[in-house]
Amino acid sequence: MSGNESPELGQADVDPSVRQVCANGICMQTNVVEAKLDEGNIQEAESALREGLSLNFEEARALLGRLEYQRGNVEGALRVFDGIDLQAAIQRMQPSVTEKQPSKKGRTKSIESVPGVSQHAAGLVLEAIYLKAKSLQKLGRLTDAARECLSVLDAVEKIFDSGIPDVLVENKLQETVSHAVELLPELWKQAGSYSEAMSAYRRALLSQWNLNNDCCARIQKAFAVFLLYSGVEVCPPSLAVQIDGSYVPRNNLEEAILLLMILMRKVYLGKIKWDPSVLEHLTFALSVCSQTSVLAKQLEEVMPGVLNRIDRWRSLALCYFAAGQNKNALSLLRKSLHKHEEPDDVLSLVFASKICSEDVFLAAEGVKYAQRAITNAEGSNEHLKGVGLRVLGLCLGKQAKVATSDFERSQLQSEALKSLDGAMALEHENSDLMFELGVQYAEHRNLDAALQYARKYVDATGGSTLRGWRLLALVLSAQHRYSEAEVVTDAAFDETTKWDQGPLLRMKAKLKTSQSRYIDAVEPYCHLLSLVQAQRKSFGPFRNAPQVEENKVNEYEVWHGLADLYSSLSHFKDAETCLEKARGLIEYSADTLYTEGMMFERQGENDKALSAYINALLVEPNHVQCKILLGSLLTKMDPGMLPLAKALLSDALRIEPTNRVAWYHLGLVHRDDGRVADAADCFQAASMLEESDPIEKFSSIL
């Protein structure tokens, strides 16, 4: 019990108003005993109690020590308690408290047949040792206190060797045992003996102490907190306490989550009262292991009225967002921002805008949320104005990608940069903002500004994040500084773990391909395949989604990239083998069909190539590369298909306005159609974009 004894403990037989002490049905006033204690005559005080209440030595000492403890004389109480021989008392009490003798029907004689006086005597002595432990705790002798408390529990196990029965146990005895069980792990923790504390917690929860629901819940919560925050890695429960088929936690975190979920279940069943701190600890534990979907389920099971409904919606939205369920998260935030709820809550507005910024079709809605957040960022929320400007810039940048005209796109991109610059003016040290500005400038083809922010981000983060290195390498590749980009990727290898090196290896392969070093590009893909195999062995076939995303090594992408590379080398058999591997992972993929179409086209099988491109667009209608190659192929096959080719290429440029290959092929279509001026404009656009074309899309690192 973390240092606070129950007000009932130590006062059950004493009436403070008349200062009496009672035992064996006899009462006597304490003034005589107290006078002898004040004089230091402990033996005379003990004799007075023994004669007046018909007590034995241990019982008299126990009452005397309790009296001193209640008077606040901790040192005096300790001197009295030191005179009690606990082992001798246990030996005298054990036969009388519980006698296990087999009867004719095979049953045992239990506590039910024992006179109440025996339990009372046991309770007095055990309480005395418990109060001795409390006295030692107050004097700072924590290890000694823990040992005394441990002796109480050892004594109980000797007296009740089958555990304390559920019925006919004196309340005072049960109360003493419960408090001792709760106090012991706290004493070991205060003494710095964490392994003993862990053993005490498990003993408290696994042995039969007949604890009530509240006491058991307090111990479970304290143990969970210890597991989460102590910093001490404890071993799993021993095999002796494991039940066949039951779940056995493997580490601190799993055991803490299990305990906290048991507590939540007790709340739902009405066995204990609602404790908000239990949910707070569970939120932390499940967030640490990326199990926010489990946390969402726990929040959903909380009875109505316990949590504020808007707070519940926000918490659920955070859980769903972390689990990748953005639609569910946004739906809950829309409810909380309804005009009849809290429509001007800045945090919810910023959060909703952040979710919208990740989807081009929700970006316009996100702009409205961000503008409302900026408007309401006043007073205590003024510090969120920079965050509002930041998400506004992100939403405007996404909205620009689906703009219907070049003018609208250019205007939205300018507004996005303006908002992000405004956010940077308010948050100079925000590294995430540096990164986002770098990406926006890169997509705007302002490579000098993009390079500046990329370097700032790498410096601000100390090179500890993968995306900073990738952005820096992409900007350098867009400036055709390939050797410097390779130096950056090599430096990134030294700063990242092997599980994060998948994107770097792909980037290294593309850098070599951009320099027409196709054979050299095979080596990084081989390293990628070995990384995939190592990942599979480390995590097994049943990895959860967060782990796959964190590892950033997608086996399908590796095989597909290798197929593209072999196709460029005209090693079509090897390319087909890689495509088969890719199809085994994703049967119907536009990327696979696109590569297949390129292989057929390079081999002169235009009909098969045409079929592959069309199938790819049926799988993914907005696949830009397929639209480009299909338009080009139609132009080659039949001059009468120029209008259709023009439509396909124009649509590709609507989706991806900075695609230089699309501009080039559209120029060819205009040239063949006799529109020389339009063709010249397209060729000029392609030439300008080629000067700043990265090896991967800048958006690939978002």
Foldseek 3Di string as FASTA:
>chain_A
DLQDADPCQLPVQADVVQQWGADPRFIDHCPVLVVCVVVVNNVVSLVCCCVRHVDDNLLSLLNSLSVCVVVVNLVSSLVSLVPHDVVVLLVVLQCQQADFDQDPVRGGGHNVPHDVNSLVSLLSNLSSLLSNLSSCVVVVVLVVSLVSLVVSVVSQCSSVVQADDQDDHDPSSLSSLLVSLLVNLSSCVVVVNNQVSLVSLCCSQQGRSNDAPVSPLVSLQVLLCCLPPVPDKYQWDDPVRDDPPDDTDGTSLRSSLVSLVVSLVCCLVVRDDDDVVSLVSNVVSCVVVLNLVVNLVSLVSPDPPPDDLLVSLQSNLVSCVSVVNLVSSLVSLCVCLPPVHPVQDLVSLLVNLQSLLVDLVSLVVSLVSLVSSLVSCDDPNVLCNLSSLLSNLSSLQSPLLQDPDPVSSVVSLVSSLVSLVVSCVSVVLDLVSLQVNLLSCLLVVVLVSNLVSLVVSCVSVVLQDDLSLVSNLQSCVLQVVLVVSLVSLVVNVVRDDLLPCQVSLQQNLLSCVVVVNLVVSVVSLVVLVVSVVVVCVVQPPPDDDVVCVVSPRDLLVSLLSVLLSCLVVVVNVSSVVSLVVNCVVPVQALSSLQSVLSSCVVVVNLVSSLVSLVSSCVVPVLPLSSLLVNLLSVCVVDVVCLVVSLVSLVSSCSNPVLDLSSLQSNLVSCVSVPNNVSSVVSNVSSVVSSSRPGSDRSVVSD
